[in-house]
Amino acid sequence: MKFKKLDVWKESARLCVEVYKNLGTLRDYGFRDQITRSALSIPSNIAEGEERESLKDSIRFLNIAKGSTAELITQIYIGIEIGYVEQALGKDLLNKATTISHQLGALIRARKKRNTNQS
């Protein structure tokens, strides 16, 4: 289970737990479902990519995780604006999600470079 060693997986899993704990009682089921699904998608796709045999597959799943991070960031912004996410909590979640996005970008670039060097 290589994914458990990645800091970005650990941080994204913790972020997902935080989203679930803080928004689990939100009455707007559609919004709650969407934001928790995008949060859950980040560590899940990192894990799936790390367990794939090919570097190309790994990169593809890391890109999916990065896209889910952008989706989560968007939903947090909207949640703050409509009053579903408290301002301080939202800022903290945004900072964590942005850091994860940067980490994923760096990991993707490193994997692409490694993939190019293997060709």
N, C-alpha and C. Protein backbone atom coordinates (compact mmCIF):
# COMPACT_ATOMS: atom_id res chain seq x y z
N MET A 1 0.84 -1.18 0.00
CA MET A 1 0.00 0.00 0.00
C MET A 1 0.89 1.25 0.00
N LYS A 2 1.42 1.55 -1.15
CA LYS A 2 2.35 2.67 -1.31
C LYS A 2 1.72 4.02 -0.97
N PHE A 3 0.42 4.16 -1.23
CA PHE A 3 -0.24 5.45 -1.06
C PHE A 3 -0.19 5.95 0.38
N LYS A 4 -0.14 5.03 1.35
CA LYS A 4 -0.15 5.43 2.76
C LYS A 4 1.11 6.20 3.16
N LYS A 5 2.16 6.10 2.35
CA LYS A 5 3.41 6.80 2.63
C LYS A 5 3.40 8.24 2.12
N LEU A 6 2.47 8.58 1.25
CA LEU A 6 2.43 9.91 0.65
C LEU A 6 1.81 10.93 1.60
N ASP A 7 2.54 12.01 1.85
CA ASP A 7 2.00 13.09 2.69
C ASP A 7 0.72 13.67 2.11
N VAL A 8 0.66 13.79 0.79
CA VAL A 8 -0.52 14.37 0.16
C VAL A 8 -1.75 13.48 0.37
N TRP A 9 -1.56 12.17 0.40
CA TRP A 9 -2.69 11.28 0.69
C TRP A 9 -3.12 11.46 2.14
N LYS A 10 -2.15 11.51 3.06
CA LYS A 10 -2.47 11.68 4.49
C LYS A 10 -3.23 12.99 4.72
N GLU A 11 -2.74 14.06 4.14
CA GLU A 11 -3.38 15.37 4.33
C GLU A 11 -4.76 15.42 3.69
N SER A 12 -4.90 14.81 2.53
CA SER A 12 -6.21 14.84 1.87
C SER A 12 -7.22 13.96 2.61
N ALA A 13 -6.76 12.87 3.20
CA ALA A 13 -7.66 12.03 4.00
C ALA A 13 -8.12 12.78 5.25
N ARG A 14 -7.19 13.51 5.89
CA ARG A 14 -7.56 14.31 7.06
C ARG A 14 -8.54 15.43 6.67
N LEU A 15 -8.31 16.05 5.52
CA LEU A 15 -9.21 17.09 5.05
C LEU A 15 -10.61 16.51 4.81
N CYS A 16 -10.67 15.35 4.23
CA CYS A 16 -11.95 14.69 3.98
C CYS A 16 -12.69 14.44 5.29
N VAL A 17 -12.00 13.95 6.28
CA VAL A 17 -12.60 13.70 7.60
C VAL A 17 -13.13 15.01 8.18
N GLU A 18 -12.37 16.07 8.03
CA GLU A 18 -12.77 17.37 8.55
C GLU A 18 -14.04 17.88 7.86
N VAL A 19 -14.10 17.70 6.54
CA VAL A 19 -15.30 18.11 5.80
C VAL A 19 -16.51 17.31 6.29
N TYR A 20 -16.35 16.00 6.42
CA TYR A 20 -17.46 15.16 6.89
C TYR A 20 -17.91 15.56 8.29
N LYS A 21 -16.96 15.77 9.19
CA LYS A 21 -17.31 16.10 10.57
C LYS A 21 -18.01 17.44 10.68
N ASN A 22 -17.58 18.41 9.89
CA ASN A 22 -18.13 19.76 10.00
C ASN A 22 -19.39 19.99 9.19
N LEU A 23 -19.61 19.18 8.16
CA LEU A 23 -20.78 19.40 7.31
C LEU A 23 -21.76 18.22 7.33
N GLY A 24 -21.50 17.26 8.20
CA GLY A 24 -22.32 16.06 8.27
C GLY A 24 -23.77 16.29 8.65
N THR A 25 -24.05 17.40 9.32
CA THR A 25 -25.42 17.67 9.74
C THR A 25 -26.11 18.73 8.87
N LEU A 26 -25.43 19.16 7.82
CA LEU A 26 -26.00 20.16 6.93
C LEU A 26 -27.31 19.64 6.34
N ARG A 27 -28.36 20.47 6.41
CA ARG A 27 -29.69 20.04 5.98
C ARG A 27 -29.86 19.99 4.47
N ASP A 28 -29.06 20.76 3.74
CA ASP A 28 -29.13 20.74 2.27
C ASP A 28 -28.40 19.50 1.79
N TYR A 29 -29.17 18.42 1.59
CA TYR A 29 -28.58 17.14 1.25
C TYR A 29 -27.78 17.21 -0.04
N GLY A 30 -28.28 17.90 -1.05
CA GLY A 30 -27.58 17.99 -2.34
C GLY A 30 -26.21 18.61 -2.19
N PHE A 31 -26.14 19.73 -1.48
CA PHE A 31 -24.85 20.40 -1.28
C PHE A 31 -23.93 19.53 -0.43
N ARG A 32 -24.46 18.99 0.66
CA ARG A 32 -23.66 18.14 1.55
C ARG A 32 -23.11 16.93 0.80
N ASP A 33 -23.95 16.31 -0.01
CA ASP A 33 -23.52 15.15 -0.78
C ASP A 33 -22.41 15.52 -1.76
N GLN A 34 -22.58 16.62 -2.45
CA GLN A 34 -21.59 17.04 -3.45
C GLN A 34 -20.25 17.38 -2.82
N ILE A 35 -20.26 18.15 -1.75
CA ILE A 35 -18.99 18.58 -1.15
C ILE A 35 -18.27 17.41 -0.47
N THR A 36 -19.02 16.50 0.14
CA THR A 36 -18.36 15.36 0.78
C THR A 36 -17.84 14.38 -0.28
N ARG A 37 -18.56 14.25 -1.39
CA ARG A 37 -18.09 13.37 -2.46
C ARG A 37 -16.81 13.89 -3.10
N SER A 38 -16.73 15.19 -3.32
CA SER A 38 -15.51 15.73 -3.91
C SER A 38 -14.34 15.60 -2.93
N ALA A 39 -14.59 15.81 -1.63
CA ALA A 39 -13.54 15.65 -0.63
C ALA A 39 -13.07 14.19 -0.57
N LEU A 40 -14.00 13.27 -0.62
CA LEU A 40 -13.68 11.84 -0.57
C LEU A 40 -12.93 11.39 -1.81
N SER A 41 -13.21 12.01 -2.93
CA SER A 41 -12.59 11.65 -4.20
C SER A 41 -11.08 11.91 -4.21
N ILE A 42 -10.63 12.90 -3.46
CA ILE A 42 -9.21 13.28 -3.50
C ILE A 42 -8.31 12.14 -2.98
N PRO A 43 -8.42 11.73 -1.73
CA PRO A 43 -7.54 10.64 -1.26
C PRO A 43 -7.84 9.31 -1.95
N SER A 44 -9.09 9.10 -2.34
CA SER A 44 -9.45 7.85 -3.00
C SER A 44 -8.73 7.71 -4.34
N ASN A 45 -8.69 8.78 -5.11
CA ASN A 45 -8.01 8.71 -6.41
C ASN A 45 -6.50 8.67 -6.28
N ILE A 46 -5.96 9.33 -5.26
CA ILE A 46 -4.52 9.22 -5.00
C ILE A 46 -4.19 7.75 -4.72
N ALA A 47 -4.97 7.13 -3.84
CA ALA A 47 -4.74 5.73 -3.48
C ALA A 47 -4.87 4.82 -4.69
N GLU A 48 -5.92 5.02 -5.47
CA GLU A 48 -6.12 4.16 -6.64
C GLU A 48 -4.97 4.29 -7.63
N GLY A 49 -4.52 5.52 -7.86
CA GLY A 49 -3.41 5.73 -8.78
C GLY A 49 -2.11 5.10 -8.31
N GLU A 50 -1.87 5.16 -7.02
CA GLU A 50 -0.64 4.60 -6.48
C GLU A 50 -0.61 3.08 -6.56
N GLU A 51 -1.77 2.47 -6.59
CA GLU A 51 -1.82 1.01 -6.65
C GLU A 51 -1.87 0.48 -8.09
N ARG A 52 -1.91 1.37 -9.05
CA ARG A 52 -1.87 0.96 -10.46
C ARG A 52 -0.45 0.56 -10.84
N GLU A 53 -0.34 -0.29 -11.82
CA GLU A 53 0.96 -0.80 -12.24
C GLU A 53 1.73 0.18 -13.12
N SER A 54 1.03 1.01 -13.88
CA SER A 54 1.75 1.88 -14.82
C SER A 54 1.85 3.31 -14.30
N LEU A 55 2.93 3.96 -14.66
CA LEU A 55 3.15 5.35 -14.30
C LEU A 55 2.10 6.24 -14.96
N LYS A 56 1.73 5.88 -16.18
CA LYS A 56 0.70 6.65 -16.90
C LYS A 56 -0.63 6.62 -16.15
N ASP A 57 -1.02 5.47 -15.64
CA ASP A 57 -2.26 5.35 -14.85
C ASP A 57 -2.16 6.16 -13.56
N SER A 58 -1.00 6.09 -12.91
CA SER A 58 -0.79 6.84 -11.68
C SER A 58 -0.98 8.33 -11.93
N ILE A 59 -0.39 8.84 -12.99
CA ILE A 59 -0.52 10.26 -13.34
C ILE A 59 -1.97 10.62 -13.62
N ARG A 60 -2.67 9.74 -14.32
CA ARG A 60 -4.08 10.00 -14.65
C ARG A 60 -4.93 10.14 -13.38
N PHE A 61 -4.74 9.26 -12.42
CA PHE A 61 -5.52 9.34 -11.18
C PHE A 61 -5.11 10.52 -10.31
N LEU A 62 -3.84 10.90 -10.34
CA LEU A 62 -3.41 12.10 -9.63
C LEU A 62 -4.08 13.33 -10.23
N ASN A 63 -4.21 13.35 -11.55
CA ASN A 63 -4.92 14.47 -12.21
C ASN A 63 -6.39 14.50 -11.82
N ILE A 64 -7.01 13.35 -11.71
CA ILE A 64 -8.40 13.30 -11.26
C ILE A 64 -8.51 13.86 -9.84
N ALA A 65 -7.57 13.47 -8.97
CA ALA A 65 -7.56 13.97 -7.59
C ALA A 65 -7.38 15.49 -7.58
N LYS A 66 -6.53 16.00 -8.45
CA LYS A 66 -6.31 17.46 -8.51
C LYS A 66 -7.59 18.15 -8.97
N GLY A 67 -8.29 17.57 -9.93
CA GLY A 67 -9.57 18.13 -10.37
C GLY A 67 -10.60 18.12 -9.26
N SER A 68 -10.63 17.06 -8.48
CA SER A 68 -11.56 16.99 -7.35
C SER A 68 -11.21 18.03 -6.30
N THR A 69 -9.93 18.33 -6.16
CA THR A 69 -9.51 19.38 -5.22
C THR A 69 -10.05 20.73 -5.67
N ALA A 70 -9.97 21.01 -6.97
CA ALA A 70 -10.52 22.26 -7.49
C ALA A 70 -12.02 22.33 -7.28
N GLU A 71 -12.69 21.20 -7.46
CA GLU A 71 -14.13 21.12 -7.22
C GLU A 71 -14.45 21.42 -5.76
N LEU A 72 -13.69 20.83 -4.85
CA LEU A 72 -13.89 21.07 -3.42
C LEU A 72 -13.66 22.54 -3.07
N ILE A 73 -12.61 23.13 -3.59
CA ILE A 73 -12.32 24.55 -3.33
C ILE A 73 -13.49 25.41 -3.78
N THR A 74 -14.03 25.14 -4.95
CA THR A 74 -15.18 25.87 -5.46
C THR A 74 -16.37 25.74 -4.53
N GLN A 75 -16.64 24.53 -4.07
CA GLN A 75 -17.78 24.29 -3.20
C GLN A 75 -17.60 24.94 -1.83
N ILE A 76 -16.38 24.98 -1.35
CA ILE A 76 -16.13 25.67 -0.07
C ILE A 76 -16.41 27.16 -0.23
N TYR A 77 -15.91 27.76 -1.32
CA TYR A 77 -16.19 29.18 -1.57
C TYR A 77 -17.69 29.44 -1.60
N ILE A 78 -18.41 28.63 -2.32
CA ILE A 78 -19.87 28.80 -2.42
C ILE A 78 -20.51 28.59 -1.06
N GLY A 79 -20.06 27.57 -0.33
CA GLY A 79 -20.60 27.30 1.00
C GLY A 79 -20.42 28.47 1.95
N ILE A 80 -19.29 29.14 1.86
CA ILE A 80 -19.05 30.33 2.69
C ILE A 80 -20.04 31.43 2.30
N GLU A 81 -20.16 31.66 1.01
CA GLU A 81 -21.01 32.74 0.51
C GLU A 81 -22.49 32.55 0.86
N ILE A 82 -22.95 31.32 0.86
CA ILE A 82 -24.38 31.08 1.15
C ILE A 82 -24.64 30.77 2.62
N GLY A 83 -23.59 30.82 3.43
CA GLY A 83 -23.76 30.65 4.87
C GLY A 83 -23.77 29.21 5.36
N TYR A 84 -23.39 28.26 4.52
CA TYR A 84 -23.34 26.86 4.94
C TYR A 84 -22.03 26.53 5.65
N VAL A 85 -20.98 27.28 5.33
CA VAL A 85 -19.66 27.04 5.91
C VAL A 85 -19.25 28.31 6.65
N GLU A 86 -18.97 28.19 7.94
CA GLU A 86 -18.54 29.32 8.75
C GLU A 86 -17.23 29.87 8.19
N GLN A 87 -17.09 31.19 8.23
CA GLN A 87 -15.96 31.89 7.60
C GLN A 87 -14.59 31.33 8.02
N ALA A 88 -14.35 31.20 9.31
CA ALA A 88 -13.04 30.73 9.80
C ALA A 88 -12.77 29.30 9.36
N LEU A 89 -13.77 28.44 9.48
CA LEU A 89 -13.64 27.06 9.04
C LEU A 89 -13.37 27.02 7.54
N GLY A 90 -14.13 27.80 6.78
CA GLY A 90 -13.96 27.83 5.34
C GLY A 90 -12.56 28.25 4.93
N LYS A 91 -12.03 29.26 5.59
CA LYS A 91 -10.67 29.73 5.29
C LYS A 91 -9.66 28.63 5.56
N ASP A 92 -9.83 27.93 6.68
CA ASP A 92 -8.93 26.82 7.03
C ASP A 92 -9.02 25.70 6.00
N LEU A 93 -10.24 25.34 5.61
CA LEU A 93 -10.42 24.28 4.61
C LEU A 93 -9.83 24.70 3.26
N LEU A 94 -10.02 25.96 2.89
CA LEU A 94 -9.46 26.46 1.63
C LEU A 94 -7.94 26.40 1.63
N ASN A 95 -7.34 26.79 2.74
CA ASN A 95 -5.87 26.74 2.84
C ASN A 95 -5.36 25.31 2.69
N LYS A 96 -6.02 24.38 3.37
CA LYS A 96 -5.60 22.98 3.29
C LYS A 96 -5.80 22.42 1.88
N ALA A 97 -6.94 22.72 1.28
CA ALA A 97 -7.21 22.22 -0.07
C ALA A 97 -6.24 22.82 -1.09
N THR A 98 -5.91 24.09 -0.92
CA THR A 98 -4.96 24.74 -1.83
C THR A 98 -3.57 24.11 -1.70
N THR A 99 -3.16 23.83 -0.48
CA THR A 99 -1.87 23.16 -0.26
C THR A 99 -1.86 21.79 -0.93
N ILE A 100 -2.93 21.05 -0.78
CA ILE A 100 -3.05 19.73 -1.40
C ILE A 100 -2.97 19.84 -2.92
N SER A 101 -3.63 20.84 -3.48
CA SER A 101 -3.59 21.05 -4.92
C SER A 101 -2.16 21.30 -5.40
N HIS A 102 -1.42 22.13 -4.65
CA HIS A 102 -0.02 22.40 -5.00
C HIS A 102 0.83 21.13 -4.89
N GLN A 103 0.59 20.36 -3.84
CA GLN A 103 1.34 19.10 -3.66
C GLN A 103 1.06 18.14 -4.81
N LEU A 104 -0.20 18.04 -5.20
CA LEU A 104 -0.56 17.16 -6.31
C LEU A 104 0.09 17.63 -7.61
N GLY A 105 0.08 18.94 -7.84
CA GLY A 105 0.71 19.48 -9.04
C GLY A 105 2.19 19.13 -9.10
N ALA A 106 2.89 19.27 -7.98
CA ALA A 106 4.31 18.94 -7.92
C ALA A 106 4.54 17.45 -8.15
N LEU A 107 3.69 16.62 -7.56
CA LEU A 107 3.82 15.18 -7.73
C LEU A 107 3.57 14.78 -9.18
N ILE A 108 2.57 15.37 -9.79
CA ILE A 108 2.27 15.09 -11.21
C ILE A 108 3.46 15.48 -12.09
N ARG A 109 4.01 16.68 -11.85
CA ARG A 109 5.16 17.12 -12.65
C ARG A 109 6.35 16.16 -12.48
N ALA A 110 6.59 15.73 -11.25
CA ALA A 110 7.69 14.80 -11.00
C ALA A 110 7.47 13.47 -11.70
N ARG A 111 6.24 12.98 -11.66
CA ARG A 111 5.93 11.70 -12.32
C ARG A 111 6.03 11.83 -13.84
N LYS A 112 5.58 12.96 -14.38
CA LYS A 112 5.68 13.16 -15.83
C LYS A 112 7.14 13.21 -16.26
N LYS A 113 7.97 13.86 -15.46
CA LYS A 113 9.39 13.95 -15.76
C LYS A 113 10.01 12.55 -15.73
N ARG A 114 9.65 11.77 -14.73
CA ARG A 114 10.14 10.40 -14.62
C ARG A 114 9.67 9.56 -15.80
N ASN A 115 8.42 9.79 -16.20
CA ASN A 115 7.85 9.06 -17.34
C ASN A 115 8.61 9.41 -18.62
N THR A 116 8.96 10.67 -18.80
CA THR A 116 9.70 11.12 -19.97
C THR A 116 11.10 10.52 -19.98
N ASN A 117 11.73 10.46 -18.82
CA ASN A 117 13.08 9.90 -18.72
C ASN A 117 13.11 8.39 -18.97
N GLN A 118 11.98 7.71 -18.72
CA GLN A 118 11.92 6.27 -18.95
C GLN A 118 11.72 5.94 -20.42
N SER A 119 11.22 6.89 -21.18
CA SER A 119 10.92 6.62 -22.60
C SER A 119 12.16 6.55 -23.45
